[in-house]
Amino acid sequence: MAVTNDMSETTVAERALARDRAGRQDGVRKTSLGVSIALLVQYALGMWVNLYVTVPKRDQGGGVPAAVGRALSSGPAALAVHAGIGLVLVVGSVALVARAIQARHRMTMVTSLIILLAVAGAAITGAAFVNTGNDGASLGMALLTAVALLCSLLNLYVLRPSPQPPTTQGTS
């Protein structure tokens, strides 16, 4: 009797661990979806800013940190929104890395770290664009955003929910 009881306790514990792991991976998946959507919005807004917004000359010079502050405080509204979403993406990417580490899913740990590095790089090149007006910085920002989006989509692919078995409910 005791052997059966031990085996059932082990099975219950294993199921609980599997549910916990699935819940953590679901958190990574949901955060990846949010980051993907934010990246698409940011990309579209970045194209808008690049094509239709002129960064004031007074905002140039002073370095990258000053450029971020000027973009948020005194830049045109579209540039300020773009910079604000960029900061939210940095925070979201940090949260994504933390969730991936908690889920102990190696692939998403790697891709989430790449997302964080790409978003941080895009933020730095974006600030460099405000600081210098260099088109290469704008291109760098766009390409790094594409890398982050690709990795976020990979997270969604590898963590896709498994199909649920059909349930049979009282058929007559």
C-alpha atoms as a PDB file:
ATOM      1  CA  MET A   1       0.000   0.000   0.000  1.00  0.00           C
ATOM      2  CA  ALA A   2       2.761   2.438   0.921  1.00  0.00           C
ATOM      3  CA  VAL A   3       4.491   1.933  -2.419  1.00  0.00           C
ATOM      4  CA  THR A   4       1.326   2.855  -4.304  1.00  0.00           C
ATOM      5  CA  ASN A   5       0.841   5.901  -2.109  1.00  0.00           C
ATOM      6  CA  ASP A   6       4.447   7.057  -2.712  1.00  0.00           C
ATOM      7  CA  MET A   7       4.049   6.616  -6.453  1.00  0.00           C
ATOM      8  CA  SER A   8       0.838   8.615  -6.517  1.00  0.00           C
ATOM      9  CA  GLU A   9       2.449  11.375  -4.444  1.00  0.00           C
ATOM     10  CA  THR A  10       5.347  11.461  -6.902  1.00  0.00           C
ATOM     11  CA  THR A  11       2.930  11.625  -9.804  1.00  0.00           C
ATOM     12  CA  VAL A  12       1.028  14.459  -8.144  1.00  0.00           C
ATOM     13  CA  ALA A  13       4.281  16.335  -7.513  1.00  0.00           C
ATOM     14  CA  GLU A  14       5.421  15.786 -11.097  1.00  0.00           C
ATOM     15  CA  ARG A  15       2.102  17.071 -12.399  1.00  0.00           C
ATOM     16  CA  ALA A  16       2.348  20.120 -10.158  1.00  0.00           C
ATOM     17  CA  LEU A  17       5.868  20.849 -11.456  1.00  0.00           C
ATOM     18  CA  ALA A  18       4.690  20.427 -15.040  1.00  0.00           C
ATOM     19  CA  ARG A  19       1.783  22.831 -14.429  1.00  0.00           C
ATOM     20  CA  ASP A  20       4.147  25.343 -12.821  1.00  0.00           C
ATOM     21  CA  ARG A  21       6.588  25.100 -15.761  1.00  0.00           C
ATOM     22  CA  ALA A  22       3.731  25.466 -18.245  1.00  0.00           C
ATOM     23  CA  GLY A  23       2.461  28.525 -16.380  1.00  0.00           C
ATOM     24  CA  ARG A  24       5.885  30.153 -16.441  1.00  0.00           C
ATOM     25  CA  GLN A  25       6.291  29.391 -20.140  1.00  0.00           C
ATOM     26  CA  ASP A  26       2.830  30.843 -20.741  1.00  0.00           C
ATOM     27  CA  GLY A  27       4.050  34.029 -19.039  1.00  0.00           C
ATOM     28  CA  VAL A  28       7.022  34.165 -21.413  1.00  0.00           C
ATOM     29  CA  ARG A  29       4.689  33.621 -24.363  1.00  0.00           C
ATOM     30  CA  LYS A  30       2.310  36.383 -23.293  1.00  0.00           C
ATOM     31  CA  THR A  31       5.152  38.810 -22.603  1.00  0.00           C
ATOM     32  CA  SER A  32       6.670  37.958 -26.003  1.00  0.00           C
ATOM     33  CA  LEU A  33       3.333  38.732 -27.643  1.00  0.00           C
ATOM     34  CA  GLY A  34       3.178  42.099 -25.880  1.00  0.00           C
ATOM     35  CA  VAL A  35       6.754  42.907 -26.871  1.00  0.00           C
ATOM     36  CA  SER A  36       6.014  41.880 -30.480  1.00  0.00           C
ATOM     37  CA  ILE A  37       3.018  44.191 -30.668  1.00  0.00           C
ATOM     38  CA  ALA A  38       4.962  47.057 -29.089  1.00  0.00           C
ATOM     39  CA  LEU A  39       7.836  46.495 -31.536  1.00  0.00           C
ATOM     40  CA  LEU A  40       5.447  46.679 -34.509  1.00  0.00           C
ATOM     41  CA  VAL A  41       3.875  49.883 -33.190  1.00  0.00           C
ATOM     42  CA  GLN A  42       7.331  51.300 -32.507  1.00  0.00           C
ATOM     43  CA  TYR A  43       8.533  50.354 -35.985  1.00  0.00           C
ATOM     44  CA  ALA A  44       5.565  52.043 -37.676  1.00  0.00           C
ATOM     45  CA  LEU A  45       5.908  55.143 -35.509  1.00  0.00           C
ATOM     46  CA  GLY A  46       9.649  55.220 -36.237  1.00  0.00           C
ATOM     47  CA  MET A  47       8.938  55.237 -39.977  1.00  0.00           C
ATOM     48  CA  TRP A  48       6.475  58.088 -39.438  1.00  0.00           C
ATOM     49  CA  VAL A  49       9.032  60.076 -37.458  1.00  0.00           C
ATOM     50  CA  ASN A  50      11.747  59.377 -40.024  1.00  0.00           C
ATOM     51  CA  LEU A  51       9.607  60.505 -42.963  1.00  0.00           C
ATOM     52  CA  TYR A  52       7.495  63.325 -41.544  1.00  0.00           C
ATOM     53  CA  VAL A  53       9.128  64.743 -38.416  1.00  0.00           C
ATOM     54  CA  THR A  54      12.072  67.097 -38.400  1.00  0.00           C
ATOM     55  CA  VAL A  55      14.244  66.861 -35.326  1.00  0.00           C
ATOM     56  CA  PRO A  56      14.998  70.438 -34.253  1.00  0.00           C
ATOM     57  CA  LYS A  57      18.644  71.474 -34.636  1.00  0.00           C
ATOM     58  CA  ARG A  58      18.626  72.591 -30.994  1.00  0.00           C
ATOM     59  CA  ASP A  59      18.179  68.920 -30.026  1.00  0.00           C
ATOM     60  CA  GLN A  60      21.445  67.912 -31.688  1.00  0.00           C
ATOM     61  CA  GLY A  61      24.729  67.714 -29.813  1.00  0.00           C
ATOM     62  CA  GLY A  62      25.280  66.944 -26.157  1.00  0.00           C
ATOM     63  CA  GLY A  63      25.507  63.158 -26.358  1.00  0.00           C
ATOM     64  CA  VAL A  64      23.160  60.216 -26.255  1.00  0.00           C
ATOM     65  CA  PRO A  65      21.659  60.633 -22.732  1.00  0.00           C
ATOM     66  CA  ALA A  66      20.873  64.281 -23.401  1.00  0.00           C
ATOM     67  CA  ALA A  67      19.274  63.339 -26.733  1.00  0.00           C
ATOM     68  CA  VAL A  68      16.872  60.954 -24.978  1.00  0.00           C
ATOM     69  CA  GLY A  69      15.891  63.653 -22.482  1.00  0.00           C
ATOM     70  CA  ARG A  70      15.377  66.242 -25.208  1.00  0.00           C
ATOM     71  CA  ALA A  71      13.336  63.822 -27.332  1.00  0.00           C
ATOM     72  CA  LEU A  72      11.035  63.117 -24.379  1.00  0.00           C
ATOM     73  CA  SER A  73      10.750  66.662 -23.063  1.00  0.00           C
ATOM     74  CA  SER A  74      11.025  69.079 -25.950  1.00  0.00           C
ATOM     75  CA  GLY A  75      10.945  67.069 -29.148  1.00  0.00           C
ATOM     76  CA  PRO A  76       7.985  66.985 -31.505  1.00  0.00           C
ATOM     77  CA  ALA A  77       5.095  64.957 -30.056  1.00  0.00           C
ATOM     78  CA  ALA A  78       5.609  61.969 -32.392  1.00  0.00           C
ATOM     79  CA  LEU A  79       9.302  61.826 -31.439  1.00  0.00           C
ATOM     80  CA  ALA A  80       8.441  62.014 -27.738  1.00  0.00           C
ATOM     81  CA  VAL A  81       5.922  59.165 -28.073  1.00  0.00           C
ATOM     82  CA  HIS A  82       8.471  57.139 -30.052  1.00  0.00           C
ATOM     83  CA  ALA A  83      11.114  57.666 -27.353  1.00  0.00           C
ATOM     84  CA  GLY A  84       8.595  56.837 -24.603  1.00  0.00           C
ATOM     85  CA  ILE A  85       7.570  53.572 -26.254  1.00  0.00           C
ATOM     86  CA  GLY A  86      11.264  52.783 -26.648  1.00  0.00           C
ATOM     87  CA  LEU A  87      11.778  53.111 -22.902  1.00  0.00           C
ATOM     88  CA  VAL A  88       8.727  50.915 -22.258  1.00  0.00           C
ATOM     89  CA  LEU A  89      10.234  48.326 -24.632  1.00  0.00           C
ATOM     90  CA  VAL A  90      13.485  48.346 -22.656  1.00  0.00           C
ATOM     91  CA  VAL A  91      11.552  47.640 -19.439  1.00  0.00           C
ATOM     92  CA  GLY A  92       9.414  44.995 -21.169  1.00  0.00           C
ATOM     93  CA  SER A  93      12.518  43.311 -22.554  1.00  0.00           C
ATOM     94  CA  VAL A  94      14.096  43.152 -19.099  1.00  0.00           C
ATOM     95  CA  ALA A  95      10.874  41.583 -17.783  1.00  0.00           C
ATOM     96  CA  LEU A  96      10.918  39.103 -20.665  1.00  0.00           C
ATOM     97  CA  VAL A  97      14.473  38.001 -19.847  1.00  0.00           C
ATOM     98  CA  ALA A  98      13.512  37.562 -16.184  1.00  0.00           C
ATOM     99  CA  ARG A  99      10.463  35.473 -17.111  1.00  0.00           C
ATOM    100  CA  ALA A 100      12.486  33.322 -19.510  1.00  0.00           C
ATOM    101  CA  ILE A 101      15.060  32.652 -16.787  1.00  0.00           C
ATOM    102  CA  GLN A 102      12.305  31.734 -14.317  1.00  0.00           C
ATOM    103  CA  ALA A 103      10.759  29.379 -16.889  1.00  0.00           C
ATOM    104  CA  ARG A 104      14.160  27.719 -17.367  1.00  0.00           C
ATOM    105  CA  HIS A 105      13.558  27.419 -21.091  1.00  0.00           C
ATOM    106  CA  ARG A 106      16.988  27.651 -22.701  1.00  0.00           C
ATOM    107  CA  MET A 107      15.886  28.760 -26.189  1.00  0.00           C
ATOM    108  CA  THR A 108      13.734  31.593 -24.868  1.00  0.00           C
ATOM    109  CA  MET A 109      16.472  32.666 -22.459  1.00  0.00           C
ATOM    110  CA  VAL A 110      18.794  33.149 -25.433  1.00  0.00           C
ATOM    111  CA  THR A 111      16.241  34.803 -27.718  1.00  0.00           C
ATOM    112  CA  SER A 112      14.952  37.040 -24.909  1.00  0.00           C
ATOM    113  CA  LEU A 113      18.486  38.209 -24.135  1.00  0.00           C
ATOM    114  CA  ILE A 114      18.969  38.983 -27.835  1.00  0.00           C
ATOM    115  CA  ILE A 115      15.703  40.948 -27.745  1.00  0.00           C
ATOM    116  CA  LEU A 116      16.960  42.980 -24.783  1.00  0.00           C
ATOM    117  CA  LEU A 117      20.305  43.681 -26.468  1.00  0.00           C
ATOM    118  CA  ALA A 118      18.620  44.606 -29.768  1.00  0.00           C
ATOM    119  CA  VAL A 119      16.110  46.921 -28.060  1.00  0.00           C
ATOM    120  CA  ALA A 120      18.893  48.565 -26.033  1.00  0.00           C
ATOM    121  CA  GLY A 121      20.960  48.937 -29.197  1.00  0.00           C
ATOM    122  CA  ALA A 122      17.992  50.427 -31.046  1.00  0.00           C
ATOM    123  CA  ALA A 123      17.473  52.896 -28.192  1.00  0.00           C
ATOM    124  CA  ILE A 124      21.130  53.934 -28.328  1.00  0.00           C
ATOM    125  CA  THR A 125      21.138  54.308 -32.114  1.00  0.00           C
ATOM    126  CA  GLY A 126      17.843  56.197 -31.907  1.00  0.00           C
ATOM    127  CA  ALA A 127      19.343  58.615 -29.435  1.00  0.00           C
ATOM    128  CA  ALA A 128      22.369  58.895 -31.720  1.00  0.00           C
ATOM    129  CA  PHE A 129      20.010  59.773 -34.577  1.00  0.00           C
ATOM    130  CA  VAL A 130      18.441  62.556 -32.506  1.00  0.00           C
ATOM    131  CA  ASN A 131      21.926  63.689 -31.488  1.00  0.00           C
ATOM    132  CA  THR A 132      23.515  63.708 -34.978  1.00  0.00           C
ATOM    133  CA  GLY A 133      20.742  63.280 -37.561  1.00  0.00           C
ATOM    134  CA  ASN A 134      22.830  60.514 -39.189  1.00  0.00           C
ATOM    135  CA  ASP A 135      20.749  58.296 -41.503  1.00  0.00           C
ATOM    136  CA  GLY A 136      22.935  55.305 -40.608  1.00  0.00           C
ATOM    137  CA  ALA A 137      21.717  55.564 -37.015  1.00  0.00           C
ATOM    138  CA  SER A 138      18.123  55.458 -38.245  1.00  0.00           C
ATOM    139  CA  LEU A 139      18.884  52.363 -40.326  1.00  0.00           C
ATOM    140  CA  GLY A 140      20.596  50.736 -37.345  1.00  0.00           C
ATOM    141  CA  MET A 141      17.531  51.398 -35.215  1.00  0.00           C
ATOM    142  CA  ALA A 142      15.257  49.790 -37.833  1.00  0.00           C
ATOM    143  CA  LEU A 143      17.478  46.726 -38.282  1.00  0.00           C
ATOM    144  CA  LEU A 144      17.844  46.152 -34.541  1.00  0.00           C
ATOM    145  CA  THR A 145      14.064  46.423 -34.178  1.00  0.00           C
ATOM    146  CA  ALA A 146      13.713  43.734 -36.865  1.00  0.00           C
ATOM    147  CA  VAL A 147      16.137  41.462 -34.962  1.00  0.00           C
ATOM    148  CA  ALA A 148      14.158  41.953 -31.739  1.00  0.00           C
ATOM    149  CA  LEU A 149      10.869  41.240 -33.523  1.00  0.00           C
ATOM    150  CA  LEU A 150      12.258  38.084 -35.141  1.00  0.00           C
ATOM    151  CA  CYS A 151      13.429  36.756 -31.764  1.00  0.00           C
ATOM    152  CA  SER A 152      10.101  37.610 -30.157  1.00  0.00           C
ATOM    153  CA  LEU A 153       8.273  35.717 -32.887  1.00  0.00           C
ATOM    154  CA  LEU A 154      10.623  32.758 -32.336  1.00  0.00           C
ATOM    155  CA  ASN A 155       9.582  32.787 -28.670  1.00  0.00           C
ATOM    156  CA  LEU A 156       5.944  32.643 -29.732  1.00  0.00           C
ATOM    157  CA  TYR A 157       6.689  29.750 -32.068  1.00  0.00           C
ATOM    158  CA  VAL A 158       8.653  27.580 -29.636  1.00  0.00           C
ATOM    159  CA  LEU A 159       6.203  28.238 -26.795  1.00  0.00           C
ATOM    160  CA  ARG A 160       3.010  27.757 -28.783  1.00  0.00           C
ATOM    161  CA  PRO A 161       0.366  26.054 -26.695  1.00  0.00           C
ATOM    162  CA  SER A 162       0.155  22.344 -27.198  1.00  0.00           C
ATOM    163  CA  PRO A 163      -3.147  21.129 -28.613  1.00  0.00           C
ATOM    164  CA  GLN A 164      -5.587  20.055 -25.969  1.00  0.00           C
ATOM    165  CA  PRO A 165      -6.985  16.557 -26.295  1.00  0.00           C
ATOM    166  CA  PRO A 166     -10.695  16.541 -27.106  1.00  0.00           C
ATOM    167  CA  THR A 167     -12.898  16.067 -24.120  1.00  0.00           C
ATOM    168  CA  THR A 168     -15.820  13.715 -24.163  1.00  0.00           C
ATOM    169  CA  GLN A 169     -18.821  15.072 -22.382  1.00  0.00           C
ATOM    170  CA  GLY A 170     -21.732  12.791 -21.722  1.00  0.00           C
ATOM    171  CA  THR A 171     -22.721  11.595 -25.154  1.00  0.00           C
ATOM    172  CA  SER A 172     -26.012   9.780 -25.260  1.00  0.00           C
END
